[in-house]
PDB file of all heavy atoms in Angstrom:
ATOM      1  N   ALA A   1     109.506 105.845  83.460  1.00  0.00           N
ATOM      2  CA  ALA A   1     109.470 107.340  83.712  1.00  0.00           C
ATOM      3  C   ALA A   1     111.007 107.777  84.006  1.00  0.00           C
ATOM      4  O   ALA A   1     111.755 107.176  84.688  1.00  0.00           O
ATOM      5  CB  ALA A   1     108.773 107.592  85.039  1.00  0.00           C
ATOM      6  N   PRO A   2     111.365 108.861  83.232  1.00  0.00           N
ATOM      7  CA  PRO A   2     112.809 109.207  83.311  1.00  0.00           C
ATOM      8  C   PRO A   2     113.212 110.171  84.442  1.00  0.00           C
ATOM      9  O   PRO A   2     114.144 110.862  84.373  1.00  0.00           O
ATOM     10  CB  PRO A   2     112.957 109.954  81.875  1.00  0.00           C
ATOM     11  CG  PRO A   2     111.583 110.535  81.620  1.00  0.00           C
ATOM     12  CD  PRO A   2     110.686 109.566  82.188  1.00  0.00           C
ATOM     13  N   TYR A   3     112.357 110.091  85.576  1.00  0.00           N
ATOM     14  CA  TYR A   3     112.761 110.956  86.716  1.00  0.00           C
ATOM     15  C   TYR A   3     113.956 110.383  87.475  1.00  0.00           C
ATOM     16  O   TYR A   3     114.271 109.149  87.340  1.00  0.00           O
ATOM     17  CB  TYR A   3     111.518 111.012  87.592  1.00  0.00           C
ATOM     18  CG  TYR A   3     110.232 111.541  86.921  1.00  0.00           C
ATOM     19  CD1 TYR A   3     109.179 110.799  86.718  1.00  0.00           C
ATOM     20  CD2 TYR A   3     110.280 112.925  86.553  1.00  0.00           C
ATOM     21  CE1 TYR A   3     108.027 111.388  86.134  1.00  0.00           C
ATOM     22  CE2 TYR A   3     109.153 113.397  85.910  1.00  0.00           C
ATOM     23  CZ  TYR A   3     108.132 112.646  85.715  1.00  0.00           C
ATOM     24  OH  TYR A   3     106.930 113.221  85.089  1.00  0.00           O
ATOM     25  N   ALA A   4     114.661 111.216  88.178  1.00  0.00           N
ATOM     26  CA  ALA A   4     115.711 110.734  89.051  1.00  0.00           C
ATOM     27  C   ALA A   4     115.345 109.617  89.938  1.00  0.00           C
ATOM     28  O   ALA A   4     116.180 108.647  90.178  1.00  0.00           O
ATOM     29  CB  ALA A   4     116.364 112.012  89.832  1.00  0.00           C
ATOM     30  N   ASP A   5     114.127 109.714  90.503  1.00  0.00           N
ATOM     31  CA  ASP A   5     113.573 108.617  91.297  1.00  0.00           C
ATOM     32  C   ASP A   5     112.211 108.177  90.740  1.00  0.00           C
ATOM     33  O   ASP A   5     111.246 108.797  91.081  1.00  0.00           O
ATOM     34  CB  ASP A   5     113.555 108.981  92.825  1.00  0.00           C
ATOM     35  CG  ASP A   5     112.990 107.921  93.631  1.00  0.00           C
ATOM     36  OD1 ASP A   5     112.821 106.718  93.128  1.00  0.00           O
ATOM     37  OD2 ASP A   5     112.705 108.213  94.804  1.00  0.00           O
ATOM     38  N   PRO A   6     112.224 107.181  89.903  1.00  0.00           N
ATOM     39  CA  PRO A   6     110.907 106.846  89.259  1.00  0.00           C
ATOM     40  C   PRO A   6     110.029 105.872  90.149  1.00  0.00           C
ATOM     41  O   PRO A   6     108.859 105.547  89.683  1.00  0.00           O
ATOM     42  CB  PRO A   6     111.336 106.068  87.880  1.00  0.00           C
ATOM     43  CG  PRO A   6     112.629 105.516  88.355  1.00  0.00           C
ATOM     44  CD  PRO A   6     113.303 106.296  89.405  1.00  0.00           C
ATOM     45  N   GLU A   7     110.466 105.441  91.295  1.00  0.00           N
ATOM     46  CA  GLU A   7     109.685 104.449  92.012  1.00  0.00           C
ATOM     47  C   GLU A   7     108.470 104.978  92.494  1.00  0.00           C
ATOM     48  O   GLU A   7     108.152 106.150  92.677  1.00  0.00           O
ATOM     49  CB  GLU A   7     110.532 103.962  93.321  1.00  0.00           C
ATOM     50  CG  GLU A   7     111.695 103.060  92.901  1.00  0.00           C
ATOM     51  CD  GLU A   7     111.100 101.652  92.292  1.00  0.00           C
ATOM     52  OE1 GLU A   7     109.993 101.354  92.544  1.00  0.00           O
ATOM     53  OE2 GLU A   7     111.832 101.116  91.454  1.00  0.00           O
ATOM     54  N   ILE A   8     107.516 104.067  92.772  1.00  0.00           N
ATOM     55  CA  ILE A   8     106.091 104.345  93.075  1.00  0.00           C
ATOM     56  C   ILE A   8     105.946 104.971  94.467  1.00  0.00           C
ATOM     57  O   ILE A   8     105.021 105.607  94.776  1.00  0.00           O
ATOM     58  CB  ILE A   8     105.144 103.214  92.737  1.00  0.00           C
ATOM     59  CG1 ILE A   8     105.583 102.021  93.623  1.00  0.00           C
ATOM     60  CG2 ILE A   8     105.157 102.949  91.282  1.00  0.00           C
ATOM     61  CD1 ILE A   8     104.553 100.845  93.372  1.00  0.00           C
ATOM     62  N   ALA A   9     106.711 104.507  95.433  1.00  0.00           N
ATOM     63  CA  ALA A   9     106.701 104.988  96.837  1.00  0.00           C
ATOM     64  C   ALA A   9     105.422 105.113  97.436  1.00  0.00           C
ATOM     65  O   ALA A   9     104.734 106.187  97.322  1.00  0.00           O
ATOM     66  CB  ALA A   9     107.482 106.277  96.881  1.00  0.00           C
ATOM     67  N   TYR A  10     104.892 103.992  97.910  1.00  0.00           N
ATOM     68  CA  TYR A  10     103.563 104.062  98.536  1.00  0.00           C
ATOM     69  C   TYR A  10     103.260 105.247  99.512  1.00  0.00           C
ATOM     70  O   TYR A  10     102.254 105.889  99.383  1.00  0.00           O
ATOM     71  CB  TYR A  10     103.282 102.777  99.179  1.00  0.00           C
ATOM     72  CG  TYR A  10     101.918 102.663  99.989  1.00  0.00           C
ATOM     73  CD1 TYR A  10     100.731 102.638  99.160  1.00  0.00           C
ATOM     74  CD2 TYR A  10     101.787 102.703 101.366  1.00  0.00           C
ATOM     75  CE1 TYR A  10      99.438 102.564  99.787  1.00  0.00           C
ATOM     76  CE2 TYR A  10     100.590 102.663 101.947  1.00  0.00           C
ATOM     77  CZ  TYR A  10      99.470 102.610 101.180  1.00  0.00           C
ATOM     78  OH  TYR A  10      98.163 102.669 101.760  1.00  0.00           O
ATOM     79  N   GLY A  11     104.187 105.566 100.187  1.00  0.00           N
ATOM     80  CA  GLY A  11     104.071 106.605 101.236  1.00  0.00           C
ATOM     81  C   GLY A  11     103.849 107.976 100.524  1.00  0.00           C
ATOM     82  O   GLY A  11     103.220 108.780 101.071  1.00  0.00           O
ATOM     83  N   ASP A  12     104.367 108.157  99.298  1.00  0.00           N
ATOM     84  CA  ASP A  12     104.122 109.391  98.551  1.00  0.00           C
ATOM     85  C   ASP A  12     102.783 109.427  97.880  1.00  0.00           C
ATOM     86  O   ASP A  12     102.284 110.561  97.558  1.00  0.00           O
ATOM     87  CB  ASP A  12     105.239 109.621  97.569  1.00  0.00           C
ATOM     88  CG  ASP A  12     106.603 109.913  98.268  1.00  0.00           C
ATOM     89  OD1 ASP A  12     106.543 110.301  99.425  1.00  0.00           O
ATOM     90  OD2 ASP A  12     107.638 109.631  97.545  1.00  0.00           O
ATOM     91  N   PHE A  13     102.218 108.301  97.613  1.00  0.00           N
ATOM     92  CA  PHE A  13     101.005 108.174  96.685  1.00  0.00           C
ATOM     93  C   PHE A  13      99.942 107.271  97.397  1.00  0.00           C
ATOM     94  O   PHE A  13      99.188 106.646  96.756  1.00  0.00           O
ATOM     95  CB  PHE A  13     101.377 107.637  95.337  1.00  0.00           C
ATOM     96  CG  PHE A  13     102.375 108.486  94.562  1.00  0.00           C
ATOM     97  CD1 PHE A  13     103.718 108.068  94.581  1.00  0.00           C
ATOM     98  CD2 PHE A  13     102.006 109.592  94.024  1.00  0.00           C
ATOM     99  CE1 PHE A  13     104.649 108.906  93.901  1.00  0.00           C
ATOM    100  CE2 PHE A  13     102.913 110.369  93.284  1.00  0.00           C
ATOM    101  CZ  PHE A  13     104.296 109.960  93.219  1.00  0.00           C
ATOM    102  N   ARG A  14      99.863 107.374  98.723  1.00  0.00           N
ATOM    103  CA  ARG A  14      99.004 106.478  99.525  1.00  0.00           C
ATOM    104  C   ARG A  14      97.536 106.613  99.011  1.00  0.00           C
ATOM    105  O   ARG A  14      96.887 105.551  98.781  1.00  0.00           O
ATOM    106  CB  ARG A  14      99.105 106.818 100.994  1.00  0.00           C
ATOM    107  CG  ARG A  14      98.315 106.033 101.887  1.00  0.00           C
ATOM    108  CD  ARG A  14      98.316 106.531 103.322  1.00  0.00           C
ATOM    109  NE  ARG A  14      99.775 106.585 103.776  1.00  0.00           N
ATOM    110  CZ  ARG A  14     100.313 105.550 104.346  1.00  0.00           C
ATOM    111  NH1 ARG A  14      99.604 104.399 104.641  1.00  0.00           N
ATOM    112  NH2 ARG A  14     101.565 105.625 104.828  1.00  0.00           N
ATOM    113  N   GLU A  15      97.033 107.730  98.915  1.00  0.00           N
ATOM    114  CA  GLU A  15      95.570 107.982  98.517  1.00  0.00           C
ATOM    115  C   GLU A  15      95.279 107.410  97.208  1.00  0.00           C
ATOM    116  O   GLU A  15      94.352 106.785  96.915  1.00  0.00           O
ATOM    117  CB  GLU A  15      95.207 109.416  98.722  1.00  0.00           C
ATOM    118  CG  GLU A  15      95.166 109.903 100.160  1.00  0.00           C
ATOM    119  CD  GLU A  15      94.538 111.189 100.297  1.00  0.00           C
ATOM    120  OE1 GLU A  15      94.080 111.918  99.227  1.00  0.00           O
ATOM    121  OE2 GLU A  15      94.616 111.886 101.457  1.00  0.00           O
ATOM    122  N   ASP A  16      96.264 107.711  96.349  1.00  0.00           N
ATOM    123  CA  ASP A  16      96.018 107.309  94.847  1.00  0.00           C
ATOM    124  C   ASP A  16      96.102 105.767  94.792  1.00  0.00           C
ATOM    125  O   ASP A  16      95.252 105.189  94.035  1.00  0.00           O
ATOM    126  CB  ASP A  16      97.064 107.965  94.038  1.00  0.00           C
ATOM    127  CG  ASP A  16      96.977 109.511  93.833  1.00  0.00           C
ATOM    128  OD1 ASP A  16      95.798 109.870  93.777  1.00  0.00           O
ATOM    129  OD2 ASP A  16      97.998 110.153  93.762  1.00  0.00           O
ATOM    130  N   ILE A  17      97.104 105.174  95.341  1.00  0.00           N
ATOM    131  CA  ILE A  17      97.225 103.695  95.255  1.00  0.00           C
ATOM    132  C   ILE A  17      96.067 103.054  96.019  1.00  0.00           C
ATOM    133  O   ILE A  17      95.515 102.002  95.520  1.00  0.00           O
ATOM    134  CB  ILE A  17      98.612 103.326  95.855  1.00  0.00           C
ATOM    135  CG1 ILE A  17      99.684 103.807  94.987  1.00  0.00           C
ATOM    136  CG2 ILE A  17      98.660 101.697  95.981  1.00  0.00           C
ATOM    137  CD1 ILE A  17     101.127 103.523  95.472  1.00  0.00           C
ATOM    138  N   ASP A  18      95.768 103.598  97.107  1.00  0.00           N
ATOM    139  CA  ASP A  18      94.487 103.009  97.919  1.00  0.00           C
ATOM    140  C   ASP A  18      93.358 103.037  97.043  1.00  0.00           C
ATOM    141  O   ASP A  18      92.443 102.158  97.059  1.00  0.00           O
ATOM    142  CB  ASP A  18      94.295 103.705  99.127  1.00  0.00           C
ATOM    143  CG  ASP A  18      95.219 103.224 100.299  1.00  0.00           C
ATOM    144  OD1 ASP A  18      96.053 102.373 100.064  1.00  0.00           O
ATOM    145  OD2 ASP A  18      94.990 103.779 101.482  1.00  0.00           O
ATOM    146  N   ALA A  19      93.107 104.075  96.244  1.00  0.00           N
ATOM    147  CA  ALA A  19      91.970 104.150  95.283  1.00  0.00           C
ATOM    148  C   ALA A  19      91.922 103.026  94.356  1.00  0.00           C
ATOM    149  O   ALA A  19      90.837 102.508  93.981  1.00  0.00           O
ATOM    150  CB  ALA A  19      91.862 105.545  94.702  1.00  0.00           C
ATOM    151  N   VAL A  20      93.127 102.785  93.693  1.00  0.00           N
ATOM    152  CA  VAL A  20      93.233 101.683  92.779  1.00  0.00           C
ATOM    153  C   VAL A  20      92.879 100.338  93.458  1.00  0.00           C
ATOM    154  O   VAL A  20      92.218  99.464  92.934  1.00  0.00           O
ATOM    155  CB  VAL A  20      94.681 101.606  92.200  1.00  0.00           C
ATOM    156  CG1 VAL A  20      94.878 100.350  91.323  1.00  0.00           C
ATOM    157  CG2 VAL A  20      94.894 102.912  91.375  1.00  0.00           C
ATOM    158  N   LEU A  21      93.472 100.084  94.613  1.00  0.00           N
ATOM    159  CA  LEU A  21      93.280  98.816  95.372  1.00  0.00           C
ATOM    160  C   LEU A  21      91.768  98.684  95.770  1.00  0.00           C
ATOM    161  O   LEU A  21      91.241  97.585  95.658  1.00  0.00           O
ATOM    162  CB  LEU A  21      94.188  98.753  96.638  1.00  0.00           C
ATOM    163  CG  LEU A  21      95.679  98.838  96.467  1.00  0.00           C
ATOM    164  CD1 LEU A  21      96.343  98.891  97.724  1.00  0.00           C
ATOM    165  CD2 LEU A  21      96.144  97.739  95.553  1.00  0.00           C
ATOM    166  N   GLN A  22      91.189  99.760  96.097  1.00  0.00           N
ATOM    167  CA  GLN A  22      89.783  99.660  96.509  1.00  0.00           C
ATOM    168  C   GLN A  22      88.928  99.376  95.212  1.00  0.00           C
ATOM    169  O   GLN A  22      88.001  98.547  95.311  1.00  0.00           O
ATOM    170  CB  GLN A  22      89.279 100.921  97.109  1.00  0.00           C
ATOM    171  CG  GLN A  22      87.924 100.920  97.811  1.00  0.00           C
ATOM    172  CD  GLN A  22      88.042  99.984  99.013  1.00  0.00           C
ATOM    173  OE1 GLN A  22      88.867  99.986  99.832  1.00  0.00           O
ATOM    174  NE2 GLN A  22      87.127  99.023  99.069  1.00  0.00           N
ATOM    175  N   ALA A  23      89.332  99.957  94.113  1.00  0.00           N
ATOM    176  CA  ALA A  23      88.632  99.632  92.824  1.00  0.00           C
ATOM    177  C   ALA A  23      88.695  98.214  92.474  1.00  0.00           C
ATOM    178  O   ALA A  23      87.798  97.576  92.037  1.00  0.00           O
ATOM    179  CB  ALA A  23      89.099 100.450  91.714  1.00  0.00           C
ATOM    180  N   ALA A  24      89.893  97.694  92.668  1.00  0.00           N
ATOM    181  CA  ALA A  24      90.168  96.245  92.328  1.00  0.00           C
ATOM    182  C   ALA A  24      89.273  95.332  93.310  1.00  0.00           C
ATOM    183  O   ALA A  24      88.643  94.488  92.770  1.00  0.00           O
ATOM    184  CB  ALA A  24      91.690  95.898  92.592  1.00  0.00           C
ATOM    185  N   LEU A  25      89.229  95.705  94.609  1.00  0.00           N
ATOM    186  CA  LEU A  25      88.429  94.849  95.442  1.00  0.00           C
ATOM    187  C   LEU A  25      86.895  94.974  95.054  1.00  0.00           C
ATOM    188  O   LEU A  25      86.124  93.987  95.135  1.00  0.00           O
ATOM    189  CB  LEU A  25      88.738  95.321  96.900  1.00  0.00           C
ATOM    190  CG  LEU A  25      90.082  94.919  97.328  1.00  0.00           C
ATOM    191  CD1 LEU A  25      90.541  95.609  98.635  1.00  0.00           C
ATOM    192  CD2 LEU A  25      90.308  93.394  97.465  1.00  0.00           C
ATOM    193  N   GLU A  26      86.521  96.240  94.833  1.00  0.00           N
ATOM    194  CA  GLU A  26      84.983  96.352  94.544  1.00  0.00           C
ATOM    195  C   GLU A  26      84.550  95.711  93.353  1.00  0.00           C
ATOM    196  O   GLU A  26      83.414  95.404  93.187  1.00  0.00           O
ATOM    197  CB  GLU A  26      84.662  97.886  94.588  1.00  0.00           C
ATOM    198  CG  GLU A  26      84.841  98.632  95.938  1.00  0.00           C
ATOM    199  CD  GLU A  26      84.739 100.083  95.822  1.00  0.00           C
ATOM    200  OE1 GLU A  26      84.357 100.532  94.758  1.00  0.00           O
ATOM    201  OE2 GLU A  26      84.945 100.777  96.833  1.00  0.00           O
ATOM    202  N   THR A  27      85.555  95.631  92.412  1.00  0.00           N
ATOM    203  CA  THR A  27      85.178  94.877  91.125  1.00  0.00           C
ATOM    204  C   THR A  27      85.528  93.500  90.941  1.00  0.00           C
ATOM    205  O   THR A  27      85.492  92.878  89.911  1.00  0.00           O
ATOM    206  CB  THR A  27      85.820  95.707  89.958  1.00  0.00           C
ATOM    207  OG1 THR A  27      87.246  95.733  90.141  1.00  0.00           O
ATOM    208  CG2 THR A  27      85.237  97.149  89.785  1.00  0.00           C
ATOM    209  N   ASP A  28      86.034  92.957  92.182  1.00  0.00           N
ATOM    210  CA  ASP A  28      86.465  91.462  92.171  1.00  0.00           C
ATOM    211  C   ASP A  28      87.507  91.230  91.146  1.00  0.00           C
ATOM    212  O   ASP A  28      87.635  90.153  90.444  1.00  0.00           O
ATOM    213  CB  ASP A  28      85.357  90.534  91.957  1.00  0.00           C
ATOM    214  CG  ASP A  28      84.311  90.548  93.079  1.00  0.00           C
ATOM    215  OD1 ASP A  28      84.920  90.617  94.229  1.00  0.00           O
ATOM    216  OD2 ASP A  28      83.122  90.437  92.888  1.00  0.00           O
ATOM    217  N   THR A  29      88.442  92.164  91.021  1.00  0.00           N
ATOM    218  CA  THR A  29      89.535  92.036  90.037  1.00  0.00           C
ATOM    219  C   THR A  29      90.775  91.693  90.870  1.00  0.00           C
ATOM    220  O   THR A  29      91.154  92.344  91.849  1.00  0.00           O
ATOM    221  CB  THR A  29      89.881  93.401  89.302  1.00  0.00           C
ATOM    222  OG1 THR A  29      88.708  93.908  88.744  1.00  0.00           O
ATOM    223  CG2 THR A  29      90.910  93.194  88.320  1.00  0.00           C
ATOM    224  N   VAL A  30      91.520  90.584  90.463  1.00  0.00           N
ATOM    225  CA  VAL A  30      92.699  90.073  91.085  1.00  0.00           C
ATOM    226  C   VAL A  30      93.883  91.014  90.727  1.00  0.00           C
ATOM    227  O   VAL A  30      93.950  91.484  89.638  1.00  0.00           O
ATOM    228  CB  VAL A  30      93.010  88.667  90.703  1.00  0.00           C
ATOM    229  CG1 VAL A  30      94.328  88.230  91.199  1.00  0.00           C
ATOM    230  CG2 VAL A  30      91.786  87.696  91.140  1.00  0.00           C
ATOM    231  N   LEU A  31      94.674  91.273  91.688  1.00  0.00           N
ATOM    232  CA  LEU A  31      95.895  92.112  91.532  1.00  0.00           C
ATOM    233  C   LEU A  31      97.071  91.161  91.011  1.00  0.00           C
ATOM    234  O   LEU A  31      97.235  90.139  91.661  1.00  0.00           O
ATOM    235  CB  LEU A  31      96.248  92.817  92.810  1.00  0.00           C
ATOM    236  CG  LEU A  31      97.315  93.914  92.706  1.00  0.00           C
ATOM    237  CD1 LEU A  31      96.711  95.121  91.878  1.00  0.00           C
ATOM    238  CD2 LEU A  31      97.646  94.476  94.157  1.00  0.00           C
ATOM    239  N   GLU A  32      97.701  91.662  89.942  1.00  0.00           N
ATOM    240  CA  GLU A  32      98.933  90.968  89.457  1.00  0.00           C
ATOM    241  C   GLU A  32     100.119  91.420  90.304  1.00  0.00           C
ATOM    242  O   GLU A  32     100.261  92.580  90.575  1.00  0.00           O
ATOM    243  CB  GLU A  32      99.127  91.294  88.073  1.00  0.00           C
ATOM    244  CG  GLU A  32     100.471  90.639  87.421  1.00  0.00           C
ATOM    245  CD  GLU A  32     100.784  91.133  86.050  1.00  0.00           C
ATOM    246  OE1 GLU A  32     100.249  90.399  85.107  1.00  0.00           O
ATOM    247  OE2 GLU A  32     101.391  92.056  85.913  1.00  0.00           O
ATOM    248  N   LEU A  33     100.956  90.467  90.591  1.00  0.00           N
ATOM    249  CA  LEU A  33     102.257  90.736  91.113  1.00  0.00           C
ATOM    250  C   LEU A  33     103.330  90.475  89.862  1.00  0.00           C
ATOM    251  O   LEU A  33     103.497  89.521  89.574  1.00  0.00           O
ATOM    252  CB  LEU A  33     102.709  89.946  92.314  1.00  0.00           C
ATOM    253  CG  LEU A  33     104.152  90.042  92.827  1.00  0.00           C
ATOM    254  CD1 LEU A  33     104.482  91.505  93.115  1.00  0.00           C
ATOM    255  CD2 LEU A  33     104.487  89.155  93.975  1.00  0.00           C
ATOM    256  N   ASN A  34     103.610  91.715  89.290  1.00  0.00           N
ATOM    257  CA  ASN A  34     104.429  91.578  88.072  1.00  0.00           C
ATOM    258  C   ASN A  34     105.877  91.459  88.596  1.00  0.00           C
ATOM    259  O   ASN A  34     106.390  92.233  89.426  1.00  0.00           O
ATOM    260  CB  ASN A  34     104.260  92.907  87.220  1.00  0.00           C
ATOM    261  CG  ASN A  34     104.905  92.671  85.914  1.00  0.00           C
ATOM    262  OD1 ASN A  34     106.056  92.846  85.681  1.00  0.00           O
ATOM    263  ND2 ASN A  34     104.055  92.451  84.865  1.00  0.00           N
ATOM    264  N   THR A  35     106.582  90.390  88.025  1.00  0.00           N
ATOM    265  CA  THR A  35     107.919  90.053  88.457  1.00  0.00           C
ATOM    266  C   THR A  35     109.006  90.749  87.680  1.00  0.00           C
ATOM    267  O   THR A  35     110.191  90.438  88.005  1.00  0.00           O
ATOM    268  CB  THR A  35     108.039  88.544  88.493  1.00  0.00           C
ATOM    269  OG1 THR A  35     108.009  88.032  87.126  1.00  0.00           O
ATOM    270  CG2 THR A  35     106.966  87.864  89.283  1.00  0.00           C
ATOM    271  N   ARG A  36     108.726  91.495  86.712  1.00  0.00           N
ATOM    272  CA  ARG A  36     109.660  92.061  85.796  1.00  0.00           C
ATOM    273  C   ARG A  36     110.893  92.741  86.566  1.00  0.00           C
ATOM    274  O   ARG A  36     111.972  92.688  86.239  1.00  0.00           O
ATOM    275  CB  ARG A  36     109.098  93.036  84.789  1.00  0.00           C
ATOM    276  CG  ARG A  36     110.003  93.975  84.004  1.00  0.00           C
ATOM    277  CD  ARG A  36     110.553  93.295  82.895  1.00  0.00           C
ATOM    278  NE  ARG A  36     109.624  93.054  81.830  1.00  0.00           N
ATOM    279  CZ  ARG A  36     109.357  93.834  80.862  1.00  0.00           C
ATOM    280  NH1 ARG A  36     110.081  94.957  80.695  1.00  0.00           N
ATOM    281  NH2 ARG A  36     108.458  93.575  79.919  1.00  0.00           N
ATOM    282  N   ARG A  37     110.549  93.509  87.684  1.00  0.00           N
ATOM    283  CA  ARG A  37     111.436  94.348  88.385  1.00  0.00           C
ATOM    284  C   ARG A  37     111.882  93.737  89.691  1.00  0.00           C
ATOM    285  O   ARG A  37     112.539  94.476  90.482  1.00  0.00           O
ATOM    286  CB  ARG A  37     110.884  95.764  88.543  1.00  0.00           C
ATOM    287  CG  ARG A  37     110.575  96.376  87.230  1.00  0.00           C
ATOM    288  CD  ARG A  37     110.253  97.911  87.357  1.00  0.00           C
ATOM    289  NE  ARG A  37     109.355  98.228  88.419  1.00  0.00           N
ATOM    290  CZ  ARG A  37     109.700  99.115  89.417  1.00  0.00           C
ATOM    291  NH1 ARG A  37     110.801  99.658  89.485  1.00  0.00           N
ATOM    292  NH2 ARG A  37     108.820  99.224  90.411  1.00  0.00           N
ATOM    293  N   LEU A  38     111.568  92.497  89.974  1.00  0.00           N
ATOM    294  CA  LEU A  38     111.916  92.046  91.325  1.00  0.00           C
ATOM    295  C   LEU A  38     113.378  91.615  91.525  1.00  0.00           C
ATOM    296  O   LEU A  38     113.674  91.198  92.694  1.00  0.00           O
ATOM    297  CB  LEU A  38     110.951  90.774  91.585  1.00  0.00           C
ATOM    298  CG  LEU A  38     109.476  90.993  91.774  1.00  0.00           C
ATOM    299  CD1 LEU A  38     108.793  89.781  92.292  1.00  0.00           C
ATOM    300  CD2 LEU A  38     109.232  92.248  92.586  1.00  0.00           C
ATOM    301  N   ASP A  39     114.202  91.822  90.494  1.00  0.00           N
ATOM    302  CA  ASP A  39     115.541  91.732  90.733  1.00  0.00           C
ATOM    303  C   ASP A  39     116.211  92.942  91.364  1.00  0.00           C
ATOM    304  O   ASP A  39     117.323  93.007  91.752  1.00  0.00           O
ATOM    305  CB  ASP A  39     116.331  91.364  89.470  1.00  0.00           C
ATOM    306  CG  ASP A  39     116.097  92.395  88.368  1.00  0.00           C
ATOM    307  OD1 ASP A  39     115.105  93.168  88.431  1.00  0.00           O
ATOM    308  OD2 ASP A  39     116.920  92.501  87.482  1.00  0.00           O
ATOM    309  N   SER A  40     115.334  94.046  91.465  1.00  0.00           N
ATOM    310  CA  SER A  40     115.789  95.361  92.051  1.00  0.00           C
ATOM    311  C   SER A  40     115.398  95.326  93.531  1.00  0.00           C
ATOM    312  O   SER A  40     114.148  95.243  93.733  1.00  0.00           O
ATOM    313  CB  SER A  40     115.163  96.459  91.224  1.00  0.00           C
ATOM    314  OG  SER A  40     115.261  97.740  92.021  1.00  0.00           O
ATOM    315  N   ARG A  41     116.277  95.506  94.446  1.00  0.00           N
ATOM    316  CA  ARG A  41     115.940  95.582  95.842  1.00  0.00           C
ATOM    317  C   ARG A  41     115.058  96.810  96.177  1.00  0.00           C
ATOM    318  O   ARG A  41     114.183  96.799  97.039  1.00  0.00           O
ATOM    319  CB  ARG A  41     117.216  95.632  96.716  1.00  0.00           C
ATOM    320  CG  ARG A  41     118.071  94.277  96.605  1.00  0.00           C
ATOM    321  CD  ARG A  41     119.260  94.398  97.463  1.00  0.00           C
ATOM    322  NE  ARG A  41     119.068  94.505  98.850  1.00  0.00           N
ATOM    323  CZ  ARG A  41     120.068  94.547  99.749  1.00  0.00           C
ATOM    324  NH1 ARG A  41     121.267  94.587  99.410  1.00  0.00           N
ATOM    325  NH2 ARG A  41     119.710  94.656 101.089  1.00  0.00           N
ATOM    326  N   ARG A  42     115.316  97.895  95.405  1.00  0.00           N
ATOM    327  CA  ARG A  42     114.524  99.078  95.695  1.00  0.00           C
ATOM    328  C   ARG A  42     113.122  98.888  95.167  1.00  0.00           C
ATOM    329  O   ARG A  42     112.203  99.281  95.892  1.00  0.00           O
ATOM    330  CB  ARG A  42     115.243 100.316  94.985  1.00  0.00           C
ATOM    331  CG  ARG A  42     114.312 101.567  95.043  1.00  0.00           C
ATOM    332  CD  ARG A  42     114.294 102.182  96.368  1.00  0.00           C
ATOM    333  NE  ARG A  42     113.232 103.239  96.519  1.00  0.00           N
ATOM    334  CZ  ARG A  42     113.325 104.374  95.988  1.00  0.00           C
ATOM    335  NH1 ARG A  42     114.459 104.756  95.331  1.00  0.00           N
ATOM    336  NH2 ARG A  42     112.281 105.283  96.106  1.00  0.00           N
TER     337      ARG A  42
END
């Protein structure tokens, strides 16, 4: 995303992200921890 601040910021999208996490749990879907961006402290 080409925004000045493209980060997902849980505090800004709490309800939306919680809905995804709840869907994963309800469907027994494991969550991936994607490591592509883990070299970024932000």
